[in-house]
Amino acid sequence: MASSVSSPLFASLRPPAPASSRCAPPPQAAVPSADNAVPQPAPLVAVASHRRELVLGAALGALLSRAPLPAQAREVEVGTYLPPAPSNPGFVFFRATPKDTPALRAGNVEPYEFVLPPTWKQTRVANILSGNYCQPKCAEPWVEVKFEDEKQGKVQVVASPLIRLTNKPNATIEDIGSPERLIASLGPFVTGNTFDSDELVDTSVEKIDGQTYYSYVLETPLALTGSHNLAKATAKGNTVVLFVASASDKQWSSSEKVLKAIVESFQV
């Protein structure tokens, strides 16, 4: 959960006052008291204070400009910092860690992994969608991470509290129901708006290392995410994790195989 920080350092490094306030008429000099004590002229004090704030503000700006972007907000090609995927030549390997998302730090999501083409970029997740405001007890699904490529499409990991789908604690995905029942509940998080069962083209079930996964192929002409969507879901711990790959018609025509390889590689 986001928190505010109150520190003497940041208090001293506050930016200069707005120009309008600096242009205000200087305060009238105080009238000498009966014992003839003369106060220090106010304008000179204001100028010294303003100069000090300009210097400190410039120091803070330089410090922040050198600070690296957080891991979840890197907008550079993933091939520059992710390792090659041993089992998928031509791809790089991403495995989420607690430093990547609030839910992983809170222990609400098990680490997940998948491969990506090295030219893709990780994009920022808006705070309202990230679950940062509701950890560790979120009532609605949230977005974990997002990656995209303008020519090939985009992927995202969506996490949903298990209690939203079943009252059984630590339920498996089979406990929740059939693939069709699960996608009926999570479909809007695939498309970005609404879900119609007629958009479901194919489903499949597979087990990897004892973990069951439901996979989906969807044709969604009205979806905000794109007219072609692939999804893969599983349940582990207190969360259902949904991996979604989306593409427009133009992207799909050239990247269908790439997107399928990305989705097939997803594991929790």
C-alpha atoms as a PDB file:
ATOM      1  CA  MET A   1       0.000   0.000   0.000  1.00  0.00           C
ATOM      2  CA  ALA A   2       1.374   3.425  -0.934  1.00  0.00           C
ATOM      3  CA  SER A   3       2.507   5.539   1.993  1.00  0.00           C
ATOM      4  CA  SER A   4       3.535   9.129   2.451  1.00  0.00           C
ATOM      5  CA  VAL A   5       7.027  10.023   3.664  1.00  0.00           C
ATOM      6  CA  SER A   6       7.697  12.992   5.927  1.00  0.00           C
ATOM      7  CA  SER A   7      11.399  13.723   6.251  1.00  0.00           C
ATOM      8  CA  PRO A   8      13.464  16.779   7.185  1.00  0.00           C
ATOM      9  CA  LEU A   9      15.494  16.104   4.031  1.00  0.00           C
ATOM     10  CA  PHE A  10      12.489  16.442   1.735  1.00  0.00           C
ATOM     11  CA  ALA A  11      11.181  19.364   3.766  1.00  0.00           C
ATOM     12  CA  SER A  12      14.468  21.194   3.241  1.00  0.00           C
ATOM     13  CA  LEU A  13      14.557  20.294  -0.451  1.00  0.00           C
ATOM     14  CA  ARG A  14      11.118  21.636  -1.288  1.00  0.00           C
ATOM     15  CA  PRO A  15      10.896  23.508  -4.655  1.00  0.00           C
ATOM     16  CA  PRO A  16      11.003  27.280  -4.784  1.00  0.00           C
ATOM     17  CA  ALA A  17       7.832  29.181  -4.076  1.00  0.00           C
ATOM     18  CA  PRO A  18       5.603  30.043  -7.104  1.00  0.00           C
ATOM     19  CA  ALA A  19       6.524  33.186  -8.996  1.00  0.00           C
ATOM     20  CA  SER A  20       3.288  34.885  -7.964  1.00  0.00           C
ATOM     21  CA  SER A  21       4.217  34.657  -4.300  1.00  0.00           C
ATOM     22  CA  ARG A  22       7.760  35.894  -4.946  1.00  0.00           C
ATOM     23  CA  CYS A  23       6.404  38.935  -6.774  1.00  0.00           C
ATOM     24  CA  ALA A  24       4.169  39.989  -3.879  1.00  0.00           C
ATOM     25  CA  PRO A  25       5.046  43.332  -2.236  1.00  0.00           C
ATOM     26  CA  PRO A  26       7.628  42.890   0.531  1.00  0.00           C
ATOM     27  CA  PRO A  27       6.325  43.204   4.057  1.00  0.00           C
ATOM     28  CA  GLN A  28       6.567  46.641   5.658  1.00  0.00           C
ATOM     29  CA  ALA A  29       9.532  47.128   7.924  1.00  0.00           C
ATOM     30  CA  ALA A  30       8.670  46.889  11.575  1.00  0.00           C
ATOM     31  CA  VAL A  31       8.358  50.123  13.551  1.00  0.00           C
ATOM     32  CA  PRO A  32      11.286  50.503  15.946  1.00  0.00           C
ATOM     33  CA  SER A  33      10.347  49.753  19.502  1.00  0.00           C
ATOM     34  CA  ALA A  34      10.726  52.048  22.406  1.00  0.00           C
ATOM     35  CA  ASP A  35      14.207  50.686  23.232  1.00  0.00           C
ATOM     36  CA  ASN A  36      15.359  51.675  19.685  1.00  0.00           C
ATOM     37  CA  ALA A  37      16.020  48.014  18.575  1.00  0.00           C
ATOM     38  CA  VAL A  38      16.100  47.912  14.759  1.00  0.00           C
ATOM     39  CA  PRO A  39      14.802  44.644  13.145  1.00  0.00           C
ATOM     40  CA  GLN A  40      16.698  43.007  10.220  1.00  0.00           C
ATOM     41  CA  PRO A  41      15.251  44.152   6.858  1.00  0.00           C
ATOM     42  CA  ALA A  42      12.729  41.527   5.646  1.00  0.00           C
ATOM     43  CA  PRO A  43      13.592  41.757   1.890  1.00  0.00           C
ATOM     44  CA  LEU A  44      17.209  40.634   2.473  1.00  0.00           C
ATOM     45  CA  VAL A  45      16.033  37.607   4.487  1.00  0.00           C
ATOM     46  CA  ALA A  46      13.602  36.620   1.701  1.00  0.00           C
ATOM     47  CA  VAL A  47      16.319  36.848  -0.985  1.00  0.00           C
ATOM     48  CA  ALA A  48      18.733  34.678   1.028  1.00  0.00           C
ATOM     49  CA  SER A  49      16.017  32.107   1.717  1.00  0.00           C
ATOM     50  CA  HIS A  50      15.001  32.024  -1.953  1.00  0.00           C
ATOM     51  CA  ARG A  51      18.593  31.491  -3.114  1.00  0.00           C
ATOM     52  CA  ARG A  52      19.023  28.650  -0.612  1.00  0.00           C
ATOM     53  CA  GLU A  53      15.844  26.960  -1.853  1.00  0.00           C
ATOM     54  CA  LEU A  54      16.988  27.258  -5.489  1.00  0.00           C
ATOM     55  CA  VAL A  55      20.293  25.546  -4.669  1.00  0.00           C
ATOM     56  CA  LEU A  56      18.644  22.756  -2.658  1.00  0.00           C
ATOM     57  CA  GLY A  57      15.936  22.287  -5.296  1.00  0.00           C
ATOM     58  CA  ALA A  58      18.556  21.922  -8.021  1.00  0.00           C
ATOM     59  CA  ALA A  59      20.406  19.352  -5.892  1.00  0.00           C
ATOM     60  CA  LEU A  60      17.227  17.301  -5.448  1.00  0.00           C
ATOM     61  CA  GLY A  61      16.463  17.456  -9.192  1.00  0.00           C
ATOM     62  CA  ALA A  62      19.933  16.177 -10.046  1.00  0.00           C
ATOM     63  CA  LEU A  63      19.598  13.378  -7.492  1.00  0.00           C
ATOM     64  CA  LEU A  64      16.232  12.219  -8.830  1.00  0.00           C
ATOM     65  CA  SER A  65      17.352  12.416 -12.453  1.00  0.00           C
ATOM     66  CA  ARG A  66      20.034   9.824 -11.716  1.00  0.00           C
ATOM     67  CA  ALA A  67      17.698   7.440  -9.860  1.00  0.00           C
ATOM     68  CA  PRO A  68      16.979   4.232 -11.862  1.00  0.00           C
ATOM     69  CA  LEU A  69      13.448   3.310 -12.863  1.00  0.00           C
ATOM     70  CA  PRO A  70      11.840   0.578 -10.704  1.00  0.00           C
ATOM     71  CA  ALA A  71      11.964  -2.917 -12.189  1.00  0.00           C
ATOM     72  CA  GLN A  72       8.240  -2.960 -12.983  1.00  0.00           C
ATOM     73  CA  ALA A  73       8.499   0.278 -14.989  1.00  0.00           C
ATOM     74  CA  ARG A  74      11.415  -0.460 -17.310  1.00  0.00           C
ATOM     75  CA  GLU A  75      10.456   0.806 -20.747  1.00  0.00           C
ATOM     76  CA  VAL A  76      13.473  -0.646 -22.539  1.00  0.00           C
ATOM     77  CA  GLU A  77      13.819  -3.841 -24.546  1.00  0.00           C
ATOM     78  CA  VAL A  78      13.741  -6.845 -22.213  1.00  0.00           C
ATOM     79  CA  GLY A  79      16.609  -8.428 -24.105  1.00  0.00           C
ATOM     80  CA  THR A  80      18.936  -5.851 -22.512  1.00  0.00           C
ATOM     81  CA  TYR A  81      18.399  -7.169 -18.981  1.00  0.00           C
ATOM     82  CA  LEU A  82      16.660 -10.589 -19.086  1.00  0.00           C
ATOM     83  CA  PRO A  83      18.633 -13.826 -19.661  1.00  0.00           C
ATOM     84  CA  PRO A  84      18.139 -16.049 -22.723  1.00  0.00           C
ATOM     85  CA  ALA A  85      15.474 -18.753 -22.312  1.00  0.00           C
ATOM     86  CA  PRO A  86      17.322 -22.111 -22.366  1.00  0.00           C
ATOM     87  CA  SER A  87      14.364 -24.098 -23.725  1.00  0.00           C
ATOM     88  CA  ASN A  88      13.145 -21.402 -26.136  1.00  0.00           C
ATOM     89  CA  PRO A  89      15.899 -20.190 -28.499  1.00  0.00           C
ATOM     90  CA  GLY A  90      15.323 -16.621 -29.630  1.00  0.00           C
ATOM     91  CA  PHE A  91      13.384 -15.717 -26.449  1.00  0.00           C
ATOM     92  CA  VAL A  92      14.373 -14.317 -23.054  1.00  0.00           C
ATOM     93  CA  PHE A  93      13.203 -15.607 -19.692  1.00  0.00           C
ATOM     94  CA  PHE A  94      11.145 -13.615 -17.155  1.00  0.00           C
ATOM     95  CA  ARG A  95      10.481 -14.875 -13.634  1.00  0.00           C
ATOM     96  CA  ALA A  96       8.635 -12.550 -11.265  1.00  0.00           C
ATOM     97  CA  THR A  97      10.107 -11.870  -7.830  1.00  0.00           C
ATOM     98  CA  PRO A  98       8.796  -9.949  -4.786  1.00  0.00           C
ATOM     99  CA  LYS A  99      10.522  -6.765  -5.996  1.00  0.00           C
ATOM    100  CA  ASP A 100       8.279  -6.736  -9.086  1.00  0.00           C
ATOM    101  CA  THR A 101       4.761  -6.328  -7.629  1.00  0.00           C
ATOM    102  CA  PRO A 102       2.918  -5.503  -4.372  1.00  0.00           C
ATOM    103  CA  ALA A 103       1.061  -8.854  -4.423  1.00  0.00           C
ATOM    104  CA  LEU A 104       4.294 -10.844  -4.656  1.00  0.00           C
ATOM    105  CA  ARG A 105       5.743  -8.855  -1.753  1.00  0.00           C
ATOM    106  CA  ALA A 106       2.565  -9.509   0.261  1.00  0.00           C
ATOM    107  CA  GLY A 107       2.707 -13.243  -0.535  1.00  0.00           C
ATOM    108  CA  ASN A 108      -0.677 -13.190  -2.270  1.00  0.00           C
ATOM    109  CA  VAL A 109       0.718 -14.508  -5.557  1.00  0.00           C
ATOM    110  CA  GLU A 110       3.182 -17.309  -6.172  1.00  0.00           C
ATOM    111  CA  PRO A 111       6.119 -16.415  -8.477  1.00  0.00           C
ATOM    112  CA  TYR A 112       5.260 -16.947 -12.156  1.00  0.00           C
ATOM    113  CA  GLU A 113       7.399 -17.184 -15.268  1.00  0.00           C
ATOM    114  CA  PHE A 114       7.216 -16.994 -19.061  1.00  0.00           C
ATOM    115  CA  VAL A 115       9.344 -16.207 -22.104  1.00  0.00           C
ATOM    116  CA  LEU A 116       9.311 -13.125 -24.318  1.00  0.00           C
ATOM    117  CA  PRO A 117      10.927 -11.986 -27.556  1.00  0.00           C
ATOM    118  CA  PRO A 118      13.943  -9.791 -26.640  1.00  0.00           C
ATOM    119  CA  THR A 119      12.482  -6.738 -28.429  1.00  0.00           C
ATOM    120  CA  TRP A 120       9.438  -6.479 -26.142  1.00  0.00           C
ATOM    121  CA  LYS A 121       9.213  -3.807 -23.436  1.00  0.00           C
ATOM    122  CA  GLN A 122       7.736  -3.845 -19.965  1.00  0.00           C
ATOM    123  CA  THR A 123       5.101  -1.148 -19.501  1.00  0.00           C
ATOM    124  CA  ARG A 124       3.800   0.618 -16.451  1.00  0.00           C
ATOM    125  CA  VAL A 125       0.710  -0.635 -14.637  1.00  0.00           C
ATOM    126  CA  ALA A 126      -1.515   2.162 -13.326  1.00  0.00           C
ATOM    127  CA  ASN A 127      -1.643   2.210  -9.531  1.00  0.00           C
ATOM    128  CA  ILE A 128      -5.425   1.751  -9.520  1.00  0.00           C
ATOM    129  CA  LEU A 129      -5.006  -1.479 -11.532  1.00  0.00           C
ATOM    130  CA  SER A 130      -1.928  -2.815  -9.757  1.00  0.00           C
ATOM    131  CA  GLY A 131      -3.565  -3.840  -6.482  1.00  0.00           C
ATOM    132  CA  ASN A 132      -1.079  -1.644  -4.635  1.00  0.00           C
ATOM    133  CA  TYR A 133      -3.904   0.122  -2.817  1.00  0.00           C
ATOM    134  CA  CYS A 134      -5.622  -3.049  -1.538  1.00  0.00           C
ATOM    135  CA  GLN A 135      -2.878  -5.504  -0.567  1.00  0.00           C
ATOM    136  CA  PRO A 136      -2.868  -7.798   1.261  1.00  0.00           C
ATOM    137  CA  LYS A 137      -6.654  -8.279   1.041  1.00  0.00           C
ATOM    138  CA  CYS A 138      -7.950  -7.360  -2.400  1.00  0.00           C
ATOM    139  CA  ALA A 139     -11.566  -8.163  -3.239  1.00  0.00           C
ATOM    140  CA  GLU A 140     -11.259  -7.720  -7.018  1.00  0.00           C
ATOM    141  CA  PRO A 141      -8.743  -8.857  -9.659  1.00  0.00           C
ATOM    142  CA  TRP A 142      -5.688  -6.728 -10.350  1.00  0.00           C
ATOM    143  CA  VAL A 143      -2.958  -6.530 -12.993  1.00  0.00           C
ATOM    144  CA  GLU A 144       0.471  -7.832 -12.008  1.00  0.00           C
ATOM    145  CA  VAL A 145       2.747  -7.011 -14.963  1.00  0.00           C
ATOM    146  CA  LYS A 146       2.418  -5.967 -18.607  1.00  0.00           C
ATOM    147  CA  PHE A 147       4.712  -6.302 -21.630  1.00  0.00           C
ATOM    148  CA  GLU A 148       4.146  -5.302 -25.239  1.00  0.00           C
ATOM    149  CA  ASP A 149       5.563  -4.849 -28.707  1.00  0.00           C
ATOM    150  CA  GLU A 150       3.917  -2.504 -31.214  1.00  0.00           C
ATOM    151  CA  LYS A 151       4.296  -4.985 -34.060  1.00  0.00           C
ATOM    152  CA  GLN A 152       3.471  -8.231 -32.233  1.00  0.00           C
ATOM    153  CA  GLY A 153       0.969  -7.572 -29.437  1.00  0.00           C
ATOM    154  CA  LYS A 154       0.915  -7.474 -25.649  1.00  0.00           C
ATOM    155  CA  VAL A 155       0.693  -9.758 -22.621  1.00  0.00           C
ATOM    156  CA  GLN A 156      -0.416  -9.220 -19.053  1.00  0.00           C
ATOM    157  CA  VAL A 157      -0.753 -11.222 -15.855  1.00  0.00           C
ATOM    158  CA  VAL A 158      -4.068 -10.786 -14.014  1.00  0.00           C
ATOM    159  CA  ALA A 159      -4.532 -12.125 -10.479  1.00  0.00           C
ATOM    160  CA  SER A 160      -7.925 -12.793  -8.897  1.00  0.00           C
ATOM    161  CA  PRO A 161      -8.619 -13.546  -5.222  1.00  0.00           C
ATOM    162  CA  LEU A 162      -9.696 -17.176  -4.909  1.00  0.00           C
ATOM    163  CA  ILE A 163     -12.579 -16.189  -2.626  1.00  0.00           C
ATOM    164  CA  ARG A 164     -14.138 -14.325  -5.560  1.00  0.00           C
ATOM    165  CA  LEU A 165     -14.600 -17.634  -7.403  1.00  0.00           C
ATOM    166  CA  THR A 166     -15.057 -20.224  -4.643  1.00  0.00           C
ATOM    167  CA  ASN A 167     -15.471 -20.397  -0.885  1.00  0.00           C
ATOM    168  CA  LYS A 168     -13.111 -23.359  -0.635  1.00  0.00           C
ATOM    169  CA  PRO A 169      -9.693 -22.272   0.726  1.00  0.00           C
ATOM    170  CA  ASN A 170      -6.607 -23.318  -1.254  1.00  0.00           C
ATOM    171  CA  ALA A 171      -8.859 -24.696  -3.996  1.00  0.00           C
ATOM    172  CA  THR A 172      -7.444 -26.126  -7.188  1.00  0.00           C
ATOM    173  CA  ILE A 173      -8.624 -24.844 -10.524  1.00  0.00           C
ATOM    174  CA  GLU A 174     -10.664 -28.054 -10.904  1.00  0.00           C
ATOM    175  CA  ASP A 175     -12.471 -27.174  -7.647  1.00  0.00           C
ATOM    176  CA  ILE A 176     -13.602 -23.906  -9.197  1.00  0.00           C
ATOM    177  CA  GLY A 177     -15.202 -25.637 -12.160  1.00  0.00           C
ATOM    178  CA  SER A 178     -14.795 -26.346 -15.855  1.00  0.00           C
ATOM    179  CA  PRO A 179     -12.708 -24.178 -18.210  1.00  0.00           C
ATOM    180  CA  GLU A 180     -15.935 -22.659 -19.540  1.00  0.00           C
ATOM    181  CA  ARG A 181     -17.122 -21.723 -16.062  1.00  0.00           C
ATOM    182  CA  LEU A 182     -13.822 -20.084 -15.149  1.00  0.00           C
ATOM    183  CA  ILE A 183     -13.591 -17.998 -18.314  1.00  0.00           C
ATOM    184  CA  ALA A 184     -17.199 -16.871 -17.852  1.00  0.00           C
ATOM    185  CA  SER A 185     -16.063 -15.228 -14.596  1.00  0.00           C
ATOM    186  CA  LEU A 186     -12.706 -13.892 -15.773  1.00  0.00           C
ATOM    187  CA  GLY A 187     -13.507 -13.197 -19.432  1.00  0.00           C
ATOM    188  CA  PRO A 188     -13.922  -9.419 -18.962  1.00  0.00           C
ATOM    189  CA  PHE A 189     -10.360  -9.293 -17.632  1.00  0.00           C
ATOM    190  CA  VAL A 190      -9.204 -10.921 -20.868  1.00  0.00           C
ATOM    191  CA  THR A 191     -11.084  -8.592 -23.205  1.00  0.00           C
ATOM    192  CA  GLY A 192     -10.919  -5.396 -21.157  1.00  0.00           C
ATOM    193  CA  ASN A 193     -14.682  -4.879 -21.359  1.00  0.00           C
ATOM    194  CA  THR A 194     -17.270  -7.664 -21.834  1.00  0.00           C
ATOM    195  CA  PHE A 195     -17.221 -11.378 -22.574  1.00  0.00           C
ATOM    196  CA  ASP A 196     -19.626 -13.468 -24.678  1.00  0.00           C
ATOM    197  CA  SER A 197     -19.436 -17.256 -24.619  1.00  0.00           C
ATOM    198  CA  ASP A 198     -19.689 -17.204 -28.437  1.00  0.00           C
ATOM    199  CA  GLU A 199     -16.226 -15.602 -28.482  1.00  0.00           C
ATOM    200  CA  LEU A 200     -14.676 -18.734 -26.997  1.00  0.00           C
ATOM    201  CA  VAL A 201     -13.149 -20.708 -29.889  1.00  0.00           C
ATOM    202  CA  ASP A 202     -11.264 -23.456 -28.064  1.00  0.00           C
ATOM    203  CA  THR A 203     -10.267 -24.707 -24.611  1.00  0.00           C
ATOM    204  CA  SER A 204      -7.739 -27.250 -23.389  1.00  0.00           C
ATOM    205  CA  VAL A 205      -6.509 -28.653 -20.078  1.00  0.00           C
ATOM    206  CA  GLU A 206      -2.962 -29.687 -19.220  1.00  0.00           C
ATOM    207  CA  LYS A 207      -1.046 -30.641 -16.090  1.00  0.00           C
ATOM    208  CA  ILE A 208       2.547 -29.479 -15.543  1.00  0.00           C
ATOM    209  CA  ASP A 209       4.450 -30.664 -12.460  1.00  0.00           C
ATOM    210  CA  GLY A 210       1.160 -31.547 -10.789  1.00  0.00           C
ATOM    211  CA  GLN A 211      -0.351 -28.109 -11.506  1.00  0.00           C
ATOM    212  CA  THR A 212      -3.456 -27.950 -13.738  1.00  0.00           C
ATOM    213  CA  TYR A 213      -3.792 -25.187 -16.335  1.00  0.00           C
ATOM    214  CA  TYR A 214      -6.789 -24.159 -18.444  1.00  0.00           C
ATOM    215  CA  SER A 215      -5.957 -22.651 -21.850  1.00  0.00           C
ATOM    216  CA  TYR A 216      -8.210 -20.615 -24.116  1.00  0.00           C
ATOM    217  CA  VAL A 217      -8.409 -19.273 -27.667  1.00  0.00           C
ATOM    218  CA  LEU A 218     -10.798 -16.352 -28.118  1.00  0.00           C
ATOM    219  CA  GLU A 219     -11.943 -14.327 -31.122  1.00  0.00           C
ATOM    220  CA  THR A 220     -13.075 -11.019 -29.666  1.00  0.00           C
ATOM    221  CA  PRO A 221     -13.905  -8.410 -32.324  1.00  0.00           C
ATOM    222  CA  LEU A 222     -15.193  -5.902 -29.778  1.00  0.00           C
ATOM    223  CA  ALA A 223     -12.507  -6.385 -27.114  1.00  0.00           C
ATOM    224  CA  LEU A 224     -10.504  -3.397 -25.953  1.00  0.00           C
ATOM    225  CA  THR A 225      -7.415  -5.580 -25.709  1.00  0.00           C
ATOM    226  CA  GLY A 226      -7.568  -6.717 -29.338  1.00  0.00           C
ATOM    227  CA  SER A 227      -9.569  -8.943 -31.668  1.00  0.00           C
ATOM    228  CA  HIS A 228      -7.418 -12.007 -30.895  1.00  0.00           C
ATOM    229  CA  ASN A 229      -6.800 -13.231 -27.359  1.00  0.00           C
ATOM    230  CA  LEU A 230      -5.041 -16.249 -25.887  1.00  0.00           C
ATOM    231  CA  ALA A 231      -5.277 -17.019 -22.183  1.00  0.00           C
ATOM    232  CA  LYS A 232      -3.960 -19.520 -19.662  1.00  0.00           C
ATOM    233  CA  ALA A 233      -5.087 -19.840 -16.050  1.00  0.00           C
ATOM    234  CA  THR A 234      -4.300 -21.789 -12.907  1.00  0.00           C
ATOM    235  CA  ALA A 235      -5.037 -21.598  -9.178  1.00  0.00           C
ATOM    236  CA  LYS A 236      -2.385 -21.699  -6.476  1.00  0.00           C
ATOM    237  CA  GLY A 237      -2.563 -20.649  -2.853  1.00  0.00           C
ATOM    238  CA  ASN A 238      -5.255 -17.991  -2.421  1.00  0.00           C
ATOM    239  CA  THR A 239      -5.152 -16.707  -5.983  1.00  0.00           C
ATOM    240  CA  VAL A 240      -6.167 -17.563  -9.531  1.00  0.00           C
ATOM    241  CA  VAL A 241      -3.534 -16.325 -11.985  1.00  0.00           C
ATOM    242  CA  LEU A 242      -4.586 -15.540 -15.556  1.00  0.00           C
ATOM    243  CA  PHE A 243      -2.042 -14.943 -18.321  1.00  0.00           C
ATOM    244  CA  VAL A 244      -3.366 -13.120 -21.401  1.00  0.00           C
ATOM    245  CA  ALA A 245      -1.809 -12.460 -24.824  1.00  0.00           C
ATOM    246  CA  SER A 246      -3.653 -10.026 -27.101  1.00  0.00           C
ATOM    247  CA  ALA A 247      -3.248  -8.811 -30.668  1.00  0.00           C
ATOM    248  CA  SER A 248      -4.992  -6.811 -33.355  1.00  0.00           C
ATOM    249  CA  ASP A 249      -5.760  -8.392 -36.742  1.00  0.00           C
ATOM    250  CA  LYS A 250      -2.591  -6.893 -38.209  1.00  0.00           C
ATOM    251  CA  GLN A 251      -0.408  -8.075 -35.323  1.00  0.00           C
ATOM    252  CA  TRP A 252      -1.980 -11.535 -35.280  1.00  0.00           C
ATOM    253  CA  SER A 253      -1.233 -12.195 -38.936  1.00  0.00           C
ATOM    254  CA  SER A 254       2.521 -11.975 -38.321  1.00  0.00           C
ATOM    255  CA  SER A 255       2.882 -12.968 -34.659  1.00  0.00           C
ATOM    256  CA  GLU A 256       0.378 -15.779 -34.015  1.00  0.00           C
ATOM    257  CA  LYS A 257       3.136 -18.369 -33.489  1.00  0.00           C
ATOM    258  CA  VAL A 258       5.110 -16.051 -31.240  1.00  0.00           C
ATOM    259  CA  LEU A 259       2.117 -15.300 -29.013  1.00  0.00           C
ATOM    260  CA  LYS A 260       1.241 -18.980 -28.741  1.00  0.00           C
ATOM    261  CA  ALA A 261       4.826 -19.790 -27.710  1.00  0.00           C
ATOM    262  CA  ILE A 262       4.684 -17.067 -25.025  1.00  0.00           C
ATOM    263  CA  VAL A 263       1.410 -18.369 -23.583  1.00  0.00           C
ATOM    264  CA  GLU A 264       2.536 -21.998 -23.657  1.00  0.00           C
ATOM    265  CA  SER A 265       5.617 -21.080 -21.615  1.00  0.00           C
ATOM    266  CA  PHE A 266       3.615 -19.559 -18.737  1.00  0.00           C
ATOM    267  CA  GLN A 267       3.907 -21.405 -15.410  1.00  0.00           C
ATOM    268  CA  VAL A 268       3.268 -20.654 -11.751  1.00  0.00           C
END
